[in-house]
N, C-alpha and C. Protein backbone atom coordinates (compact mmCIF):
# COMPACT_ATOMS: atom_id res chain seq x y z
N MET A 1 0.68 -0.96 0.00
CA MET A 1 -0.22 0.29 -0.08
C MET A 1 0.89 1.09 -0.22
N MET A 2 2.22 1.15 0.80
CA MET A 2 2.50 2.08 0.59
C MET A 2 3.25 2.90 -0.64
N PRO A 3 3.53 2.15 -1.48
CA PRO A 3 4.15 2.94 -3.20
C PRO A 3 2.74 3.55 -3.73
N PHE A 4 1.74 2.88 -3.77
CA PHE A 4 0.34 3.36 -3.91
C PHE A 4 0.02 4.92 -3.04
N PHE A 5 0.34 4.67 -2.14
CA PHE A 5 0.09 6.39 -1.73
C PHE A 5 1.27 7.07 -1.88
N ALA A 6 2.54 6.98 -1.94
CA ALA A 6 3.45 7.77 -2.39
C ALA A 6 3.02 8.09 -4.04
N LEU A 7 2.71 7.02 -4.98
CA LEU A 7 2.39 7.62 -6.03
C LEU A 7 1.42 8.39 -6.30
N MET A 8 0.25 8.41 -5.32
CA MET A 8 -1.55 9.65 -5.00
C MET A 8 -0.66 11.06 -4.36
N LEU A 9 0.54 10.76 -3.48
CA LEU A 9 0.96 11.86 -3.13
C LEU A 9 1.67 13.03 -4.15
N LEU A 10 2.44 12.27 -4.83
CA LEU A 10 3.44 12.74 -6.10
C LEU A 10 2.06 13.14 -7.04
N ALA A 11 0.96 12.52 -7.42
CA ALA A 11 -0.05 12.87 -8.50
C ALA A 11 -0.30 14.20 -7.30
N VAL A 12 -0.79 14.55 -6.41
CA VAL A 12 -1.42 15.59 -5.87
C VAL A 12 -0.31 16.71 -5.50
N VAL A 13 0.66 16.50 -5.62
CA VAL A 13 2.24 17.26 -5.98
C VAL A 13 1.65 18.26 -7.38
N GLN A 14 2.13 17.14 -8.23
CA GLN A 14 2.08 17.56 -9.83
C GLN A 14 0.76 18.61 -9.91
N VAL A 15 -0.93 18.29 -9.61
CA VAL A 15 -1.63 18.50 -9.73
C VAL A 15 -1.45 20.19 -9.12
N GLY A 16 -1.29 20.44 -7.86
CA GLY A 16 -0.73 21.10 -7.54
C GLY A 16 -0.10 22.39 -8.19
N LEU A 17 0.96 21.87 -8.50
CA LEU A 17 1.90 22.45 -9.58
C LEU A 17 1.37 23.06 -10.74
N LEU A 18 0.45 22.41 -11.20
CA LEU A 18 -0.16 23.09 -12.40
C LEU A 18 -1.01 23.90 -12.28
N VAL A 19 -1.83 23.88 -11.02
CA VAL A 19 -2.76 24.62 -10.72
C VAL A 19 -2.07 26.40 -10.32
N ARG A 20 -1.05 26.20 -9.63
CA ARG A 20 -0.15 27.56 -9.24
C ARG A 20 0.18 27.87 -10.86
N ALA A 21 0.81 27.32 -11.90
CA ALA A 21 0.92 27.87 -13.21
C ALA A 21 -0.47 28.29 -13.82
N ARG A 22 -1.62 28.10 -13.47
CA ARG A 22 -2.53 28.56 -14.16
C ARG A 22 -2.74 29.76 -13.50
N VAL A 23 -2.40 29.84 -12.52
CA VAL A 23 -2.74 31.22 -11.93
C VAL A 23 -1.54 32.12 -12.02
N LEU A 24 -0.41 31.85 -12.12
CA LEU A 24 0.63 32.50 -12.83
C LEU A 24 0.17 33.33 -13.98
N VAL A 25 -0.48 32.06 -15.13
CA VAL A 25 -0.30 32.88 -16.36
C VAL A 25 -1.43 33.81 -16.34
N THR A 26 -2.61 33.52 -15.74
CA THR A 26 -3.60 34.56 -15.35
C THR A 26 -3.14 35.87 -15.32
N HIS A 27 -2.39 35.48 -14.04
CA HIS A 27 -1.70 36.93 -13.31
C HIS A 27 -0.55 37.66 -14.41
N ALA A 28 0.25 36.95 -15.06
CA ALA A 28 1.12 37.97 -16.04
C ALA A 28 -0.09 38.81 -17.02
N ALA A 29 -1.12 37.29 -17.94
CA ALA A 29 -1.58 38.18 -18.67
C ALA A 29 -2.20 39.80 -18.36
N ARG A 30 -2.48 39.90 -16.85
CA ARG A 30 -3.49 40.89 -16.60
C ARG A 30 -2.20 42.15 -16.34
N GLU A 31 -1.20 41.83 -16.02
CA GLU A 31 0.08 42.59 -15.97
C GLU A 31 0.44 43.37 -17.21
N ALA A 32 0.61 42.20 -18.18
CA ALA A 32 0.87 42.35 -19.37
C ALA A 32 -0.27 43.18 -20.10
N VAL A 33 -1.70 43.66 -19.51
CA VAL A 33 -1.83 44.09 -20.46
C VAL A 33 -2.24 45.70 -19.78
N ARG A 34 -2.08 45.69 -18.58
CA ARG A 34 -2.19 46.98 -18.20
C ARG A 34 -0.56 47.80 -18.74
N SER A 35 0.27 47.30 -18.94
CA SER A 35 1.64 48.00 -19.50
C SER A 35 0.89 47.97 -20.77
N ALA A 36 0.47 47.01 -21.47
CA ALA A 36 -0.14 47.48 -22.94
C ALA A 36 -0.84 48.62 -23.20
N ALA A 37 -2.09 48.50 -22.05
CA ALA A 37 -2.58 49.77 -22.16
C ALA A 37 -2.20 51.23 -21.51
N VAL A 38 -0.83 51.36 -21.33
CA VAL A 38 -0.28 52.71 -20.98
C VAL A 38 0.48 52.79 -22.06
N GLY A 39 0.86 52.35 -23.23
CA GLY A 39 1.30 52.71 -24.34
C GLY A 39 2.72 51.98 -24.51
N VAL A 40 3.20 51.33 -23.20
CA VAL A 40 4.40 50.07 -24.00
C VAL A 40 4.74 49.93 -25.13
N SER A 41 5.92 49.59 -25.38
CA SER A 41 6.30 48.84 -26.70
C SER A 41 6.02 47.25 -26.41
N ASP A 42 5.33 46.55 -27.19
CA ASP A 42 5.84 45.22 -26.94
C ASP A 42 6.47 44.16 -26.40
N ALA A 43 7.89 44.62 -26.93
CA ALA A 43 8.56 44.14 -25.86
C ALA A 43 9.21 44.12 -24.15
N GLU A 44 8.38 45.33 -24.13
CA GLU A 44 8.09 46.12 -22.53
C GLU A 44 6.75 45.26 -22.30
N VAL A 45 6.05 44.94 -22.92
CA VAL A 45 4.32 44.21 -22.65
C VAL A 45 5.39 42.51 -22.17
N ARG A 46 5.86 42.43 -23.03
CA ARG A 46 6.66 40.49 -22.95
C ARG A 46 7.66 40.55 -21.69
N SER A 47 8.14 42.15 -21.29
CA SER A 47 8.69 42.02 -20.42
C SER A 47 8.00 42.00 -18.86
N ALA A 48 6.74 42.72 -19.21
CA ALA A 48 6.30 42.81 -18.16
C ALA A 48 5.52 41.54 -17.61
N ALA A 49 5.11 40.68 -18.41
CA ALA A 49 4.41 39.36 -18.35
C ALA A 49 5.47 38.35 -17.91
N ALA A 50 6.51 38.40 -18.01
CA ALA A 50 7.98 37.64 -17.94
C ALA A 50 8.06 37.41 -16.16
N ALA A 51 7.93 38.62 -16.12
CA ALA A 51 8.48 39.40 -14.85
C ALA A 51 7.23 39.43 -13.75
N ALA A 52 6.08 39.04 -14.26
CA ALA A 52 4.91 39.44 -12.97
C ALA A 52 4.91 37.87 -12.65
N ALA A 53 5.32 36.68 -13.13
CA ALA A 53 5.33 35.80 -12.42
C ALA A 53 6.23 35.39 -12.71
N ASP A 54 7.00 34.14 -12.01
CA ASP A 54 8.05 32.88 -11.97
C ASP A 54 7.86 32.08 -13.26
N LEU A 55 7.60 32.72 -14.46
CA LEU A 55 7.46 31.75 -15.80
C LEU A 55 8.72 31.75 -16.50
N ASP A 56 8.86 30.44 -17.19
CA ASP A 56 10.38 30.79 -18.13
C ASP A 56 10.11 31.33 -19.14
N PRO A 57 10.96 32.62 -19.63
CA PRO A 57 10.09 32.92 -20.84
C PRO A 57 10.57 32.26 -22.00
N ARG A 58 11.16 30.98 -22.48
CA ARG A 58 11.74 30.39 -23.23
C ARG A 58 10.38 29.71 -23.71
N ARG A 59 9.37 29.79 -22.39
CA ARG A 59 8.06 28.58 -22.49
C ARG A 59 7.23 29.75 -23.02
N LEU A 60 7.21 30.90 -23.01
CA LEU A 60 6.23 32.07 -22.96
C LEU A 60 5.49 32.43 -24.15
N THR A 61 4.41 32.35 -24.55
CA THR A 61 4.46 33.12 -25.99
C THR A 61 3.44 34.92 -25.50
N VAL A 62 3.88 35.83 -25.89
CA VAL A 62 3.18 36.95 -26.14
C VAL A 62 2.80 37.60 -26.76
N VAL A 63 1.15 37.31 -27.44
CA VAL A 63 0.72 38.07 -28.13
C VAL A 63 -0.32 39.82 -28.26
N VAL A 64 0.24 41.03 -28.66
CA VAL A 64 -0.42 41.74 -28.25
C VAL A 64 -1.22 42.56 -29.25
N HIS A 65 -2.52 42.61 -28.92
CA HIS A 65 -3.17 43.67 -30.16
C HIS A 65 -3.67 44.84 -29.33
N ARG A 66 -3.37 46.16 -30.20
CA ARG A 66 -3.94 47.50 -30.11
C ARG A 66 -5.02 47.77 -31.29
N ALA A 67 -6.74 47.60 -30.49
CA ALA A 67 -7.02 48.18 -31.82
C ALA A 67 -8.50 48.54 -30.86
N GLY A 68 -9.25 49.95 -31.75
CA GLY A 68 -10.55 50.09 -31.33
C GLY A 68 -10.44 50.47 -29.98
N GLY A 69 -9.19 51.23 -29.48
CA GLY A 69 -9.09 51.55 -28.39
C GLY A 69 -9.20 50.88 -26.67
N ARG A 70 -8.73 49.49 -27.31
CA ARG A 70 -8.26 48.56 -26.32
C ARG A 70 -7.22 47.76 -26.52
N ALA A 71 -6.85 47.27 -25.56
CA ALA A 71 -5.44 46.35 -25.16
C ALA A 71 -5.63 45.67 -25.44
N THR A 72 -5.37 44.30 -26.12
CA THR A 72 -5.57 42.67 -25.84
C THR A 72 -4.61 42.27 -25.96
N VAL A 73 -4.04 40.98 -24.76
CA VAL A 73 -2.90 40.70 -24.58
C VAL A 73 -3.29 39.16 -24.80
N GLN A 74 -2.69 38.24 -25.23
CA GLN A 74 -2.81 36.50 -25.64
C GLN A 74 -1.91 36.05 -24.51
N LEU A 75 -1.61 35.33 -23.88
CA LEU A 75 -0.60 34.28 -23.14
C LEU A 75 -0.40 32.90 -23.63
N GLN A 76 0.28 32.32 -23.72
CA GLN A 76 0.39 30.59 -24.06
C GLN A 76 1.87 30.42 -23.09
N TYR A 77 1.73 29.76 -22.34
CA TYR A 77 2.73 28.87 -21.65
C TYR A 77 2.71 27.40 -21.81
N ALA A 78 4.03 26.80 -21.57
CA ALA A 78 3.94 25.00 -22.08
C ALA A 78 4.72 25.24 -20.42
N GLU A 79 3.59 24.22 -19.19
CA GLU A 79 4.40 24.42 -18.17
C GLU A 79 5.03 22.47 -17.83
N PRO A 80 6.31 22.34 -17.98
CA PRO A 80 6.71 21.19 -17.49
C PRO A 80 6.10 20.12 -16.81
N THR A 81 5.71 19.37 -16.70
CA THR A 81 5.77 18.71 -15.63
C THR A 81 6.67 17.62 -15.11
N ASP A 82 7.26 18.21 -14.25
CA ASP A 82 8.70 17.41 -13.69
C ASP A 82 8.97 16.50 -12.63
N VAL A 83 7.25 16.42 -11.72
CA VAL A 83 7.28 15.36 -10.79
C VAL A 83 7.73 13.91 -10.82
N PRO A 84 8.79 13.20 -10.00
CA PRO A 84 8.93 11.98 -10.67
C PRO A 84 8.12 10.91 -10.45
N LEU A 85 8.05 9.94 -11.42
CA LEU A 85 6.97 9.22 -11.73
C LEU A 85 5.60 9.89 -12.29
N VAL A 86 4.89 10.77 -11.69
CA VAL A 86 3.94 11.08 -12.73
C VAL A 86 3.84 12.04 -13.34
N GLY A 87 5.14 12.66 -13.32
CA GLY A 87 4.93 13.81 -14.31
C GLY A 87 5.22 13.43 -15.89
N PRO A 88 6.16 12.28 -16.17
CA PRO A 88 6.20 11.72 -17.29
C PRO A 88 4.77 11.19 -18.03
N LEU A 89 4.37 10.96 -17.06
CA LEU A 89 3.00 9.81 -17.21
C LEU A 89 1.81 11.01 -18.23
N VAL A 90 2.18 12.44 -17.73
CA VAL A 90 0.92 13.77 -18.08
C VAL A 90 1.71 14.01 -19.67
N GLY A 91 2.79 14.45 -19.47
CA GLY A 91 3.34 15.09 -20.53
C GLY A 91 3.18 16.61 -20.00
N ASP A 92 4.15 17.77 -20.90
CA ASP A 92 3.48 19.27 -20.39
C ASP A 92 2.73 19.57 -20.76
N ALA A 93 1.59 20.46 -19.79
CA ALA A 93 0.41 21.28 -19.50
C ALA A 93 0.45 22.57 -20.78
N VAL A 94 -0.31 22.76 -21.61
CA VAL A 94 -0.15 24.21 -22.09
C VAL A 94 -1.45 24.71 -21.55
N PHE A 95 -1.06 26.08 -21.12
CA PHE A 95 -2.12 27.23 -20.46
C PHE A 95 -2.06 28.21 -21.24
N GLU A 96 -3.40 28.80 -21.63
CA GLU A 96 -3.49 30.06 -22.33
C GLU A 96 -4.33 31.13 -21.15
N ALA A 97 -4.21 32.09 -21.37
CA ALA A 97 -4.92 33.39 -21.11
C ALA A 97 -4.94 34.81 -21.58
N ARG A 98 -6.19 35.39 -21.57
CA ARG A 98 -6.23 36.52 -22.60
C ARG A 98 -6.95 37.51 -21.58
N ALA A 99 -6.43 38.77 -22.07
CA ALA A 99 -6.79 39.82 -20.64
C ALA A 99 -6.90 41.46 -22.01
N THR A 100 -7.89 42.00 -21.48
CA THR A 100 -8.29 43.24 -22.24
C THR A 100 -8.67 44.24 -21.37
N MET A 101 -8.31 45.18 -22.00
CA MET A 101 -7.97 46.79 -21.03
C MET A 101 -8.10 48.11 -22.09
N ARG A 102 -8.86 48.75 -21.66
CA ARG A 102 -9.21 49.78 -22.54
C ARG A 102 -7.69 50.87 -22.21
N LEU A 103 -7.32 51.71 -23.35
CA LEU A 103 -6.15 52.10 -23.72
C LEU A 103 -6.30 53.83 -23.06
N GLU A 104 -5.10 53.94 -22.47
CA GLU A 104 -5.29 55.10 -21.31
C GLU A 104 -4.36 56.16 -22.97
């Protein structure tokens, strides 16, 4: 029974890490759209998204659109699943977030 419980504990840890990544991606999208709304460059918006959360910039894709008096930022992040035994069974998870804000 002990190996089963250890595997279940590792699975819970992996799910917790994935939930954390989802929250961080949403937070990064909100911070990025705030930057885009005040008129900074797209490169600075990407930097704001990466700095807002502890996300690997190499796995983060940021797309900025400004039209119709609104700024929209779309983020895509591939979170590695690297918890021993459980992570390789699941594969990398891809999270997306989108945020829109009125231009200032």
